[in-house]
PDB file of N, CA and C in Angstrom:
ATOM      1  N   MET A   1     163.071  47.574  59.311  1.00  0.00           N
ATOM      2  CA  MET A   1     164.076  47.806  60.323  1.00  0.00           C
ATOM      3  C   MET A   1     165.104  46.687  60.286  1.00  0.00           C
ATOM      4  N   SER A   2     166.297  47.038  60.623  1.00  0.00           N
ATOM      5  CA  SER A   2     167.355  46.054  60.652  1.00  0.00           C
ATOM      6  C   SER A   2     167.194  45.178  61.883  1.00  0.00           C
ATOM      7  N   GLU A   3     168.042  44.143  61.990  1.00  0.00           N
ATOM      8  CA  GLU A   3     168.009  43.233  63.130  1.00  0.00           C
ATOM      9  C   GLU A   3     168.252  43.981  64.430  1.00  0.00           C
ATOM     10  N   LYS A   4     169.168  44.941  64.389  1.00  0.00           N
ATOM     11  CA  LYS A   4     169.492  45.743  65.565  1.00  0.00           C
ATOM     12  C   LYS A   4     168.729  47.062  65.466  1.00  0.00           C
ATOM     13  N   PHE A   5     167.976  47.401  66.496  1.00  0.00           N
ATOM     14  CA  PHE A   5     167.201  48.642  66.519  1.00  0.00           C
ATOM     15  C   PHE A   5     168.144  49.786  66.873  1.00  0.00           C
ATOM     16  N   THR A   6     168.269  50.755  65.961  1.00  0.00           N
ATOM     17  CA  THR A   6     169.207  51.863  66.150  1.00  0.00           C
ATOM     18  C   THR A   6     168.458  53.190  66.246  1.00  0.00           C
ATOM     19  N   LEU A   7     169.200  54.239  66.501  1.00  0.00           N
ATOM     20  CA  LEU A   7     168.602  55.572  66.524  1.00  0.00           C
ATOM     21  C   LEU A   7     168.068  55.965  65.145  1.00  0.00           C
ATOM     22  N   ASN A   8     168.632  55.402  64.077  1.00  0.00           N
ATOM     23  CA  ASN A   8     168.088  55.644  62.740  1.00  0.00           C
ATOM     24  C   ASN A   8     166.678  55.073  62.643  1.00  0.00           C
ATOM     25  N   ASP A   9     166.456  53.886  63.219  1.00  0.00           N
ATOM     26  CA  ASP A   9     165.129  53.286  63.239  1.00  0.00           C
ATOM     27  C   ASP A   9     164.164  54.133  64.071  1.00  0.00           C
ATOM     28  N   PHE A  10     164.656  54.632  65.190  1.00  0.00           N
ATOM     29  CA  PHE A  10     163.868  55.495  66.066  1.00  0.00           C
ATOM     30  C   PHE A  10     163.437  56.754  65.309  1.00  0.00           C
ATOM     31  N   GLU A  11     164.369  57.314  64.551  1.00  0.00           N
ATOM     32  CA  GLU A  11     164.071  58.507  63.755  1.00  0.00           C
ATOM     33  C   GLU A  11     163.020  58.191  62.687  1.00  0.00           C
ATOM     34  N   LYS A  12     163.120  57.020  62.072  1.00  0.00           N
ATOM     35  CA  LYS A  12     162.131  56.604  61.072  1.00  0.00           C
ATOM     36  C   LYS A  12     160.749  56.448  61.705  1.00  0.00           C
ATOM     37  N   GLN A  13     160.713  55.911  62.926  1.00  0.00           N
ATOM     38  CA  GLN A  13     159.435  55.773  63.628  1.00  0.00           C
ATOM     39  C   GLN A  13     158.773  57.137  63.826  1.00  0.00           C
ATOM     40  N   MET A  14     159.560  58.121  64.227  1.00  0.00           N
ATOM     41  CA  MET A  14     159.009  59.466  64.418  1.00  0.00           C
ATOM     42  C   MET A  14     158.462  60.006  63.105  1.00  0.00           C
ATOM     43  N   GLY A  15     159.153  59.730  62.001  1.00  0.00           N
ATOM     44  CA  GLY A  15     158.686  60.162  60.688  1.00  0.00           C
ATOM     45  C   GLY A  15     157.390  59.474  60.286  1.00  0.00           C
ATOM     46  N   GLN A  16     157.262  58.192  60.622  1.00  0.00           N
ATOM     47  CA  GLN A  16     156.045  57.448  60.305  1.00  0.00           C
ATOM     48  C   GLN A  16     154.859  57.986  61.100  1.00  0.00           C
ATOM     49  N   ILE A  17     155.107  58.347  62.340  1.00  0.00           N
ATOM     50  CA  ILE A  17     154.038  58.924  63.169  1.00  0.00           C
ATOM     51  C   ILE A  17     153.563  60.235  62.568  1.00  0.00           C
ATOM     52  N   LYS A  18     154.513  61.039  62.107  1.00  0.00           N
ATOM     53  CA  LYS A  18     154.152  62.321  61.486  1.00  0.00           C
ATOM     54  C   LYS A  18     153.319  62.090  60.222  1.00  0.00           C
ATOM     55  N   LYS A  19     153.676  61.074  59.429  1.00  0.00           N
ATOM     56  CA  LYS A  19     152.911  60.760  58.223  1.00  0.00           C
ATOM     57  C   LYS A  19     151.491  60.323  58.574  1.00  0.00           C
ATOM     58  N   LEU A  20     151.351  59.521  59.634  1.00  0.00           N
ATOM     59  CA  LEU A  20     150.022  59.085  60.064  1.00  0.00           C
ATOM     60  C   LEU A  20     149.157  60.273  60.472  1.00  0.00           C
ATOM     61  N   LYS A  21     149.775  61.226  61.162  1.00  0.00           N
ATOM     62  CA  LYS A  21     149.036  62.414  61.580  1.00  0.00           C
ATOM     63  C   LYS A  21     148.560  63.196  60.359  1.00  0.00           C
ATOM     64  N   THR A  22     149.412  63.312  59.353  1.00  0.00           N
ATOM     65  CA  THR A  22     149.044  64.010  58.127  1.00  0.00           C
ATOM     66  C   THR A  22     147.916  63.274  57.418  1.00  0.00           C
ATOM     67  N   MET A  23     148.013  61.947  57.366  1.00  0.00           N
ATOM     68  CA  MET A  23     146.962  61.147  56.731  1.00  0.00           C
ATOM     69  C   MET A  23     145.634  61.345  57.436  1.00  0.00           C
ATOM     70  N   GLN A  24     145.668  61.408  58.760  1.00  0.00           N
ATOM     71  CA  GLN A  24     144.435  61.589  59.519  1.00  0.00           C
ATOM     72  C   GLN A  24     143.786  62.928  59.189  1.00  0.00           C
ATOM     73  N   LYS A  25     144.595  63.960  59.032  1.00  0.00           N
ATOM     74  CA  LYS A  25     144.054  65.287  58.711  1.00  0.00           C
ATOM     75  C   LYS A  25     143.378  65.291  57.339  1.00  0.00           C
ATOM     76  N   PHE A  26     144.000  64.614  56.365  1.00  0.00           N
ATOM     77  CA  PHE A  26     143.417  64.559  55.027  1.00  0.00           C
ATOM     78  C   PHE A  26     142.241  63.594  54.948  1.00  0.00           C
ATOM     79  N   ALA A  27     142.232  62.578  55.801  1.00  0.00           N
ATOM     80  CA  ALA A  27     141.183  61.559  55.751  1.00  0.00           C
ATOM     81  C   ALA A  27     139.801  62.126  56.017  1.00  0.00           C
ATOM     82  N   ARG A  28     139.730  63.205  56.760  1.00  0.00           N
ATOM     83  CA  ARG A  28     138.409  63.767  57.060  1.00  0.00           C
ATOM     84  C   ARG A  28     137.713  64.302  55.804  1.00  0.00           C
ATOM     85  N   PHE A  29     138.476  64.495  54.719  1.00  0.00           N
ATOM     86  CA  PHE A  29     137.891  64.973  53.463  1.00  0.00           C
ATOM     87  C   PHE A  29     137.512  63.829  52.529  1.00  0.00           C
ATOM     88  N   ILE A  30     137.856  62.597  52.899  1.00  0.00           N
ATOM     89  CA  ILE A  30     137.570  61.436  52.058  1.00  0.00           C
ATOM     90  C   ILE A  30     136.459  60.627  52.728  1.00  0.00           C
ATOM     91  N   PRO A  31     135.345  60.483  52.072  1.00  0.00           N
ATOM     92  CA  PRO A  31     134.234  59.745  52.684  1.00  0.00           C
ATOM     93  C   PRO A  31     134.661  58.333  53.121  1.00  0.00           C
ATOM     94  N   GLY A  32     134.384  58.020  54.368  1.00  0.00           N
ATOM     95  CA  GLY A  32     134.696  56.693  54.901  1.00  0.00           C
ATOM     96  C   GLY A  32     136.107  56.530  55.426  1.00  0.00           C
ATOM     97  N   ALA A  33     137.052  57.304  54.942  1.00  0.00           N
ATOM     98  CA  ALA A  33     138.451  57.139  55.340  1.00  0.00           C
ATOM     99  C   ALA A  33     138.692  57.554  56.787  1.00  0.00           C
ATOM    100  N   SER A  34     137.973  58.561  57.228  1.00  0.00           N
ATOM    101  CA  SER A  34     138.194  59.027  58.600  1.00  0.00           C
ATOM    102  C   SER A  34     137.847  57.952  59.617  1.00  0.00           C
ATOM    103  N   LYS A  35     136.909  57.065  59.272  1.00  0.00           N
ATOM    104  CA  LYS A  35     136.538  55.969  60.179  1.00  0.00           C
ATOM    105  C   LYS A  35     137.709  55.013  60.381  1.00  0.00           C
ATOM    106  N   LEU A  36     138.514  54.834  59.360  1.00  0.00           N
ATOM    107  CA  LEU A  36     139.650  53.918  59.455  1.00  0.00           C
ATOM    108  C   LEU A  36     140.718  54.429  60.423  1.00  0.00           C
ATOM    109  N   LEU A  37     140.891  55.731  60.490  1.00  0.00           N
ATOM    110  CA  LEU A  37     141.959  56.315  61.306  1.00  0.00           C
ATOM    111  C   LEU A  37     141.464  56.891  62.631  1.00  0.00           C
ATOM    112  N   LYS A  38     140.148  56.872  62.857  1.00  0.00           N
ATOM    113  CA  LYS A  38     139.598  57.557  64.029  1.00  0.00           C
ATOM    114  C   LYS A  38     140.051  56.965  65.358  1.00  0.00           C
ATOM    115  N   ASP A  39     140.352  55.677  65.398  1.00  0.00           N
ATOM    116  CA  ASP A  39     140.736  55.041  66.658  1.00  0.00           C
ATOM    117  C   ASP A  39     142.215  55.202  66.994  1.00  0.00           C
ATOM    118  N   LEU A  40     142.983  55.737  66.077  1.00  0.00           N
ATOM    119  CA  LEU A  40     144.397  55.965  66.362  1.00  0.00           C
ATOM    120  C   LEU A  40     144.541  57.191  67.256  1.00  0.00           C
ATOM    121  N   PRO A  41     145.355  57.105  68.301  1.00  0.00           N
ATOM    122  CA  PRO A  41     145.485  58.231  69.245  1.00  0.00           C
ATOM    123  C   PRO A  41     146.427  59.325  68.734  1.00  0.00           C
ATOM    124  N   LEU A  42     146.225  59.736  67.502  1.00  0.00           N
ATOM    125  CA  LEU A  42     147.156  60.688  66.898  1.00  0.00           C
ATOM    126  C   LEU A  42     147.016  62.090  67.475  1.00  0.00           C
ATOM    127  N   ASP A  43     145.841  62.447  67.949  1.00  0.00           N
ATOM    128  CA  ASP A  43     145.683  63.768  68.568  1.00  0.00           C
ATOM    129  C   ASP A  43     146.569  63.879  69.802  1.00  0.00           C
ATOM    130  N   GLU A  44     146.711  62.780  70.502  1.00  0.00           N
ATOM    131  CA  GLU A  44     147.575  62.747  71.689  1.00  0.00           C
ATOM    132  C   GLU A  44     149.027  63.034  71.296  1.00  0.00           C
ATOM    133  N   LEU A  45     149.406  62.620  70.112  1.00  0.00           N
ATOM    134  CA  LEU A  45     150.786  62.817  69.656  1.00  0.00           C
ATOM    135  C   LEU A  45     151.097  64.270  69.338  1.00  0.00           C
ATOM    136  N   ASP A  46     150.075  65.075  69.082  1.00  0.00           N
ATOM    137  CA  ASP A  46     150.298  66.502  68.845  1.00  0.00           C
ATOM    138  C   ASP A  46     151.009  67.140  70.032  1.00  0.00           C
ATOM    139  N   LYS A  47     150.716  66.649  71.218  1.00  0.00           N
ATOM    140  CA  LYS A  47     151.341  67.176  72.429  1.00  0.00           C
ATOM    141  C   LYS A  47     152.854  66.942  72.424  1.00  0.00           C
ATOM    142  N   HIS A  48     153.277  65.927  71.681  1.00  0.00           N
ATOM    143  CA  HIS A  48     154.686  65.543  71.682  1.00  0.00           C
ATOM    144  C   HIS A  48     155.453  66.039  70.454  1.00  0.00           C
ATOM    145  N   GLU A  49     154.799  66.813  69.603  1.00  0.00           N
ATOM    146  CA  GLU A  49     155.460  67.259  68.366  1.00  0.00           C
ATOM    147  C   GLU A  49     156.720  68.068  68.652  1.00  0.00           C
ATOM    148  N   GLY A  50     156.679  68.945  69.659  1.00  0.00           N
ATOM    149  CA  GLY A  50     157.864  69.725  70.023  1.00  0.00           C
ATOM    150  C   GLY A  50     159.010  68.825  70.471  1.00  0.00           C
ATOM    151  N   GLU A  51     158.662  67.795  71.216  1.00  0.00           N
ATOM    152  CA  GLU A  51     159.658  66.824  71.667  1.00  0.00           C
ATOM    153  C   GLU A  51     160.262  66.084  70.473  1.00  0.00           C
ATOM    154  N   PHE A  52     159.416  65.658  69.541  1.00  0.00           N
ATOM    155  CA  PHE A  52     159.902  64.972  68.342  1.00  0.00           C
ATOM    156  C   PHE A  52     160.856  65.861  67.554  1.00  0.00           C
ATOM    157  N   GLN A  53     160.491  67.144  67.408  1.00  0.00           N
ATOM    158  CA  GLN A  53     161.352  68.063  66.664  1.00  0.00           C
ATOM    159  C   GLN A  53     162.704  68.216  67.354  1.00  0.00           C
ATOM    160  N   LYS A  54     162.685  68.313  68.661  1.00  0.00           N
ATOM    161  CA  LYS A  54     163.928  68.426  69.427  1.00  0.00           C
ATOM    162  C   LYS A  54     164.790  67.175  69.221  1.00  0.00           C
ATOM    163  N   PHE A  55     164.152  66.003  69.250  1.00  0.00           N
ATOM    164  CA  PHE A  55     164.881  64.753  69.050  1.00  0.00           C
ATOM    165  C   PHE A  55     165.483  64.701  67.640  1.00  0.00           C
ATOM    166  N   ARG A  56     164.719  65.149  66.638  1.00  0.00           N
ATOM    167  CA  ARG A  56     165.252  65.153  65.265  1.00  0.00           C
ATOM    168  C   ARG A  56     166.469  66.074  65.159  1.00  0.00           C
ATOM    169  N   THR A  57     166.415  67.213  65.823  1.00  0.00           N
ATOM    170  CA  THR A  57     167.542  68.156  65.817  1.00  0.00           C
ATOM    171  C   THR A  57     168.764  67.523  66.472  1.00  0.00           C
ATOM    172  N   ILE A  58     168.560  66.835  67.564  1.00  0.00           N
ATOM    173  CA  ILE A  58     169.674  66.144  68.243  1.00  0.00           C
ATOM    174  C   ILE A  58     170.254  65.084  67.322  1.00  0.00           C
ATOM    175  N   LEU A  59     169.398  64.302  66.690  1.00  0.00           N
ATOM    176  CA  LEU A  59     169.869  63.228  65.799  1.00  0.00           C
ATOM    177  C   LEU A  59     170.667  63.781  64.621  1.00  0.00           C
ATOM    178  N   GLU A  60     170.271  64.949  64.121  1.00  0.00           N
ATOM    179  CA  GLU A  60     171.007  65.574  63.020  1.00  0.00           C
ATOM    180  C   GLU A  60     172.422  65.959  63.436  1.00  0.00           C
ATOM    181  N   ALA A  61     172.628  66.201  64.729  1.00  0.00           N
ATOM    182  CA  ALA A  61     173.948  66.601  65.224  1.00  0.00           C
ATOM    183  C   ALA A  61     174.837  65.405  65.555  1.00  0.00           C
ATOM    184  N   MET A  62     174.311  64.204  65.410  1.00  0.00           N
ATOM    185  CA  MET A  62     175.072  63.002  65.754  1.00  0.00           C
ATOM    186  C   MET A  62     175.731  62.394  64.515  1.00  0.00           C
ATOM    187  N   THR A  63     176.801  61.654  64.749  1.00  0.00           N
ATOM    188  CA  THR A  63     177.464  60.948  63.655  1.00  0.00           C
ATOM    189  C   THR A  63     176.745  59.630  63.385  1.00  0.00           C
ATOM    190  N   THR A  64     177.052  59.025  62.253  1.00  0.00           N
ATOM    191  CA  THR A  64     176.480  57.728  61.905  1.00  0.00           C
ATOM    192  C   THR A  64     176.835  56.688  62.963  1.00  0.00           C
ATOM    193  N   GLU A  65     178.080  56.698  63.416  1.00  0.00           N
ATOM    194  CA  GLU A  65     178.511  55.736  64.447  1.00  0.00           C
ATOM    195  C   GLU A  65     177.697  55.901  65.725  1.00  0.00           C
ATOM    196  N   GLU A  66     177.442  57.133  66.111  1.00  0.00           N
ATOM    197  CA  GLU A  66     176.677  57.396  67.335  1.00  0.00           C
ATOM    198  C   GLU A  66     175.230  56.941  67.190  1.00  0.00           C
ATOM    199  N   LYS A  67     174.661  57.118  65.994  1.00  0.00           N
ATOM    200  CA  LYS A  67     173.293  56.660  65.754  1.00  0.00           C
ATOM    201  C   LYS A  67     173.211  55.141  65.746  1.00  0.00           C
ATOM    202  N   ASP A  68     174.241  54.501  65.218  1.00  0.00           N
ATOM    203  CA  ASP A  68     174.263  53.039  65.167  1.00  0.00           C
ATOM    204  C   ASP A  68     174.571  52.415  66.522  1.00  0.00           C
ATOM    205  N   ASN A  69     175.324  53.128  67.348  1.00  0.00           N
ATOM    206  CA  ASN A  69     175.722  52.606  68.651  1.00  0.00           C
ATOM    207  C   ASN A  69     175.764  53.739  69.673  1.00  0.00           C
ATOM    208  N   PRO A  70     174.603  54.126  70.211  1.00  0.00           N
ATOM    209  CA  PRO A  70     174.568  55.256  71.138  1.00  0.00           C
ATOM    210  C   PRO A  70     175.353  55.017  72.432  1.00  0.00           C
ATOM    211  N   GLY A  71     175.759  53.789  72.675  1.00  0.00           N
ATOM    212  CA  GLY A  71     176.564  53.485  73.855  1.00  0.00           C
ATOM    213  C   GLY A  71     177.924  54.166  73.833  1.00  0.00           C
ATOM    214  N   VAL A  72     178.356  54.648  72.676  1.00  0.00           N
ATOM    215  CA  VAL A  72     179.654  55.325  72.586  1.00  0.00           C
ATOM    216  C   VAL A  72     179.593  56.765  73.082  1.00  0.00           C
ATOM    217  N   LEU A  73     178.381  57.266  73.341  1.00  0.00           N
ATOM    218  CA  LEU A  73     178.236  58.659  73.778  1.00  0.00           C
ATOM    219  C   LEU A  73     178.690  58.823  75.226  1.00  0.00           C
ATOM    220  N   ASP A  74     179.671  59.668  75.413  1.00  0.00           N
ATOM    221  CA  ASP A  74     180.096  60.011  76.772  1.00  0.00           C
ATOM    222  C   ASP A  74     179.612  61.438  77.067  1.00  0.00           C
ATOM    223  N   GLN A  75     179.827  61.904  78.278  1.00  0.00           N
ATOM    224  CA  GLN A  75     179.327  63.220  78.678  1.00  0.00           C
ATOM    225  C   GLN A  75     179.893  64.344  77.819  1.00  0.00           C
ATOM    226  N   GLN A  76     181.168  64.247  77.465  1.00  0.00           N
ATOM    227  CA  GLN A  76     181.778  65.294  76.642  1.00  0.00           C
ATOM    228  C   GLN A  76     181.113  65.355  75.268  1.00  0.00           C
ATOM    229  N   ARG A  77     180.904  64.200  74.670  1.00  0.00           N
ATOM    230  CA  ARG A  77     180.280  64.174  73.349  1.00  0.00           C
ATOM    231  C   ARG A  77     178.824  64.628  73.424  1.00  0.00           C
ATOM    232  N   LYS A  78     178.119  64.235  74.483  1.00  0.00           N
ATOM    233  CA  LYS A  78     176.744  64.699  74.661  1.00  0.00           C
ATOM    234  C   LYS A  78     176.707  66.228  74.754  1.00  0.00           C
ATOM    235  N   GLN A  79     177.681  66.816  75.451  1.00  0.00           N
ATOM    236  CA  GLN A  79     177.731  68.273  75.570  1.00  0.00           C
ATOM    237  C   GLN A  79     177.972  68.913  74.210  1.00  0.00           C
ATOM    238  N   GLU A  80     178.846  68.313  73.397  1.00  0.00           N
ATOM    239  CA  GLU A  80     179.103  68.832  72.054  1.00  0.00           C
ATOM    240  C   GLU A  80     177.846  68.757  71.189  1.00  0.00           C
ATOM    241  N   ILE A  81     177.133  67.641  71.277  1.00  0.00           N
ATOM    242  CA  ILE A  81     175.890  67.475  70.504  1.00  0.00           C
ATOM    243  C   ILE A  81     174.854  68.491  70.972  1.00  0.00           C
ATOM    244  N   ALA A  82     174.761  68.682  72.285  1.00  0.00           N
ATOM    245  CA  ALA A  82     173.801  69.641  72.842  1.00  0.00           C
ATOM    246  C   ALA A  82     174.104  71.048  72.326  1.00  0.00           C
ATOM    247  N   THR A  83     175.357  71.421  72.333  1.00  0.00           N
ATOM    248  CA  THR A  83     175.755  72.746  71.845  1.00  0.00           C
ATOM    249  C   THR A  83     175.416  72.892  70.362  1.00  0.00           C
ATOM    250  N   LYS A  84     175.769  71.887  69.582  1.00  0.00           N
ATOM    251  CA  LYS A  84     175.532  71.918  68.133  1.00  0.00           C
ATOM    252  C   LYS A  84     174.041  71.948  67.795  1.00  0.00           C
ATOM    253  N   SER A  85     173.222  71.264  68.609  1.00  0.00           N
ATOM    254  CA  SER A  85     171.789  71.173  68.314  1.00  0.00           C
ATOM    255  C   SER A  85     170.954  72.223  69.040  1.00  0.00           C
ATOM    256  N   GLY A  86     171.596  73.028  69.896  1.00  0.00           N
ATOM    257  CA  GLY A  86     170.856  74.049  70.627  1.00  0.00           C
ATOM    258  C   GLY A  86     169.959  73.468  71.709  1.00  0.00           C
ATOM    259  N   THR A  87     170.371  72.328  72.260  1.00  0.00           N
ATOM    260  CA  THR A  87     169.595  71.666  73.303  1.00  0.00           C
ATOM    261  C   THR A  87     170.469  71.503  74.549  1.00  0.00           C
ATOM    262  N   ASN A  88     169.987  70.724  75.495  1.00  0.00           N
ATOM    263  CA  ASN A  88     170.735  70.441  76.721  1.00  0.00           C
ATOM    264  C   ASN A  88     171.087  68.963  76.784  1.00  0.00           C
ATOM    265  N   VAL A  89     172.074  68.631  77.596  1.00  0.00           N
ATOM    266  CA  VAL A  89     172.436  67.226  77.794  1.00  0.00           C
ATOM    267  C   VAL A  89     171.232  66.454  78.334  1.00  0.00           C
ATOM    268  N   SER A  90     170.426  67.093  79.175  1.00  0.00           N
ATOM    269  CA  SER A  90     169.233  66.415  79.710  1.00  0.00           C
ATOM    270  C   SER A  90     168.245  66.061  78.595  1.00  0.00           C
ATOM    271  N   ASP A  91     168.182  66.883  77.530  1.00  0.00           N
ATOM    272  CA  ASP A  91     167.330  66.567  76.386  1.00  0.00           C
ATOM    273  C   ASP A  91     167.848  65.321  75.668  1.00  0.00           C
ATOM    274  N   ILE A  92     169.157  65.215  75.559  1.00  0.00           N
ATOM    275  CA  ILE A  92     169.764  64.048  74.917  1.00  0.00           C
ATOM    276  C   ILE A  92     169.489  62.802  75.755  1.00  0.00           C
ATOM    277  N   ASP A  93     169.650  62.933  77.064  1.00  0.00           N
ATOM    278  CA  ASP A  93     169.366  61.796  77.948  1.00  0.00           C
ATOM    279  C   ASP A  93     167.904  61.379  77.851  1.00  0.00           C
ATOM    280  N   GLN A  94     167.005  62.359  77.751  1.00  0.00           N
ATOM    281  CA  GLN A  94     165.580  62.064  77.609  1.00  0.00           C
ATOM    282  C   GLN A  94     165.322  61.326  76.294  1.00  0.00           C
ATOM    283  N   MET A  95     165.952  61.780  75.211  1.00  0.00           N
ATOM    284  CA  MET A  95     165.790  61.126  73.926  1.00  0.00           C
ATOM    285  C   MET A  95     166.296  59.685  73.989  1.00  0.00           C
ATOM    286  N   LEU A  96     167.450  59.490  74.627  1.00  0.00           N
ATOM    287  CA  LEU A  96     168.006  58.142  74.735  1.00  0.00           C
ATOM    288  C   LEU A  96     167.104  57.234  75.570  1.00  0.00           C
ATOM    289  N   GLU A  97     166.451  57.802  76.571  1.00  0.00           N
ATOM    290  CA  GLU A  97     165.507  57.027  77.387  1.00  0.00           C
ATOM    291  C   GLU A  97     164.303  56.609  76.543  1.00  0.00           C
ATOM    292  N   LYS A  98     163.761  57.540  75.748  1.00  0.00           N
ATOM    293  CA  LYS A  98     162.636  57.225  74.856  1.00  0.00           C
ATOM    294  C   LYS A  98     163.063  56.194  73.813  1.00  0.00           C
ATOM    295  N   PHE A  99     164.289  56.322  73.327  1.00  0.00           N
ATOM    296  CA  PHE A  99     164.823  55.358  72.371  1.00  0.00           C
ATOM    297  C   PHE A  99     164.849  53.967  72.988  1.00  0.00           C
ATOM    298  N   GLU A 100     165.322  53.859  74.217  1.00  0.00           N
ATOM    299  CA  GLU A 100     165.379  52.552  74.890  1.00  0.00           C
ATOM    300  C   GLU A 100     163.985  51.963  75.056  1.00  0.00           C
ATOM    301  N   GLN A 101     163.002  52.805  75.362  1.00  0.00           N
ATOM    302  CA  GLN A 101     161.623  52.333  75.477  1.00  0.00           C
ATOM    303  C   GLN A 101     161.122  51.813  74.128  1.00  0.00           C
ATOM    304  N   SER A 102     161.404  52.555  73.068  1.00  0.00           N
ATOM    305  CA  SER A 102     160.989  52.127  71.731  1.00  0.00           C
ATOM    306  C   SER A 102     161.683  50.832  71.333  1.00  0.00           C
ATOM    307  N   LYS A 103     162.930  50.720  71.724  1.00  0.00           N
ATOM    308  CA  LYS A 103     163.702  49.510  71.437  1.00  0.00           C
ATOM    309  C   LYS A 103     163.062  48.294  72.121  1.00  0.00           C
ATOM    310  N   GLN A 104     162.626  48.474  73.359  1.00  0.00           N
ATOM    311  CA  GLN A 104     161.957  47.387  74.085  1.00  0.00           C
ATOM    312  C   GLN A 104     160.625  47.030  73.429  1.00  0.00           C
ATOM    313  N   PHE A 105     159.854  48.056  73.004  1.00  0.00           N
ATOM    314  CA  PHE A 105     158.593  47.801  72.309  1.00  0.00           C
ATOM    315  C   PHE A 105     158.849  47.016  71.023  1.00  0.00           C
ATOM    316  N   ALA A 106     159.849  47.432  70.271  1.00  0.00           N
ATOM    317  CA  ALA A 106     160.168  46.750  69.015  1.00  0.00           C
ATOM    318  C   ALA A 106     160.533  45.288  69.275  1.00  0.00           C
ATOM    319  N   LYS A 107     161.286  45.055  70.319  1.00  0.00           N
ATOM    320  CA  LYS A 107     161.683  43.694  70.683  1.00  0.00           C
ATOM    321  C   LYS A 107     160.456  42.861  71.066  1.00  0.00           C
ATOM    322  N   MET A 108     159.541  43.466  71.817  1.00  0.00           N
ATOM    323  CA  MET A 108     158.330  42.758  72.232  1.00  0.00           C
ATOM    324  C   MET A 108     157.429  42.455  71.041  1.00  0.00           C
ATOM    325  N   PHE A 109     157.272  43.419  70.138  1.00  0.00           N
ATOM    326  CA  PHE A 109     156.454  43.189  68.956  1.00  0.00           C
ATOM    327  C   PHE A 109     157.044  42.080  68.108  1.00  0.00           C
ATOM    328  N   LYS A 110     158.352  42.074  67.975  1.00  0.00           N
ATOM    329  CA  LYS A 110     159.023  41.059  67.170  1.00  0.00           C
ATOM    330  C   LYS A 110     158.807  39.668  67.759  1.00  0.00           C
ATOM    331  N   SER A 111     158.764  39.590  69.084  1.00  0.00           N
ATOM    332  CA  SER A 111     158.565  38.298  69.730  1.00  0.00           C
ATOM    333  C   SER A 111     157.095  37.912  69.833  1.00  0.00           C
ATOM    334  N   GLY A 112     156.186  38.796  69.359  1.00  0.00           N
ATOM    335  CA  GLY A 112     154.779  38.505  69.367  1.00  0.00           C
ATOM    336  C   GLY A 112     154.041  38.921  70.628  1.00  0.00           C
ATOM    337  N   GLN A 113     154.724  39.575  71.544  1.00  0.00           N
ATOM    338  CA  GLN A 113     154.082  40.053  72.768  1.00  0.00           C
ATOM    339  C   GLN A 113     153.501  41.439  72.516  1.00  0.00           C
ATOM    340  N   MET A 114     152.451  41.746  73.215  1.00  0.00           N
ATOM    341  CA  MET A 114     151.871  43.079  73.129  1.00  0.00           C
ATOM    342  C   MET A 114     152.280  43.852  74.379  1.00  0.00           C
ATOM    343  N   PRO A 115     153.026  44.937  74.204  1.00  0.00           N
ATOM    344  CA  PRO A 115     153.431  45.725  75.374  1.00  0.00           C
ATOM    345  C   PRO A 115     152.255  46.456  75.991  1.00  0.00           C
ATOM    346  N   THR A 116     152.346  46.696  77.276  1.00  0.00           N
ATOM    347  CA  THR A 116     151.332  47.457  77.987  1.00  0.00           C
ATOM    348  C   THR A 116     151.796  48.892  78.060  1.00  0.00           C
ATOM    349  N   LEU A 117     150.947  49.807  77.606  1.00  0.00           N
ATOM    350  CA  LEU A 117     151.281  51.220  77.651  1.00  0.00           C
ATOM    351  C   LEU A 117     150.919  51.764  79.027  1.00  0.00           C
ATOM    352  N   LYS A 118     151.860  52.494  79.621  1.00  0.00           N
ATOM    353  CA  LYS A 118     151.555  53.099  80.906  1.00  0.00           C
ATOM    354  C   LYS A 118     151.574  54.607  80.764  1.00  0.00           C
ATOM    355  N   ASP A 119     150.689  55.260  81.488  1.00  0.00           N
ATOM    356  CA  ASP A 119     150.612  56.717  81.452  1.00  0.00           C
ATOM    357  C   ASP A 119     151.808  57.303  82.172  1.00  0.00           C
ATOM    358  N   GLU A 120     152.291  58.439  81.625  1.00  0.00           N
ATOM    359  CA  GLU A 120     153.407  59.125  82.269  1.00  0.00           C
ATOM    360  C   GLU A 120     152.915  60.303  83.034  1.00  0.00           C
TER     361      GLU A 120
END
């Protein structure tokens, strides 16, 4: 990841989570491998797959500048992205909120702190 955490980094994180889920599915066929991945809460992430797909669709409708600096998004542009991606402005706002949370986690990990996960 670059020094500045961007929506491109957020998108990469979602891709890495998907890869981990795939690895977990295949690991059950490899003796001993399933033990390595069993403690990861990847089954919980299955519940969020639809959300991840929606976020990826929104990101595909954004420009490079918007991904690098989401602060440039105004209501009109959010509406255009929502129309182009087949989503709602509230979905974009939700994605941006999740992005901000991920950005804070990344900042905490970089500083050596362990974030506390809270249930939603």
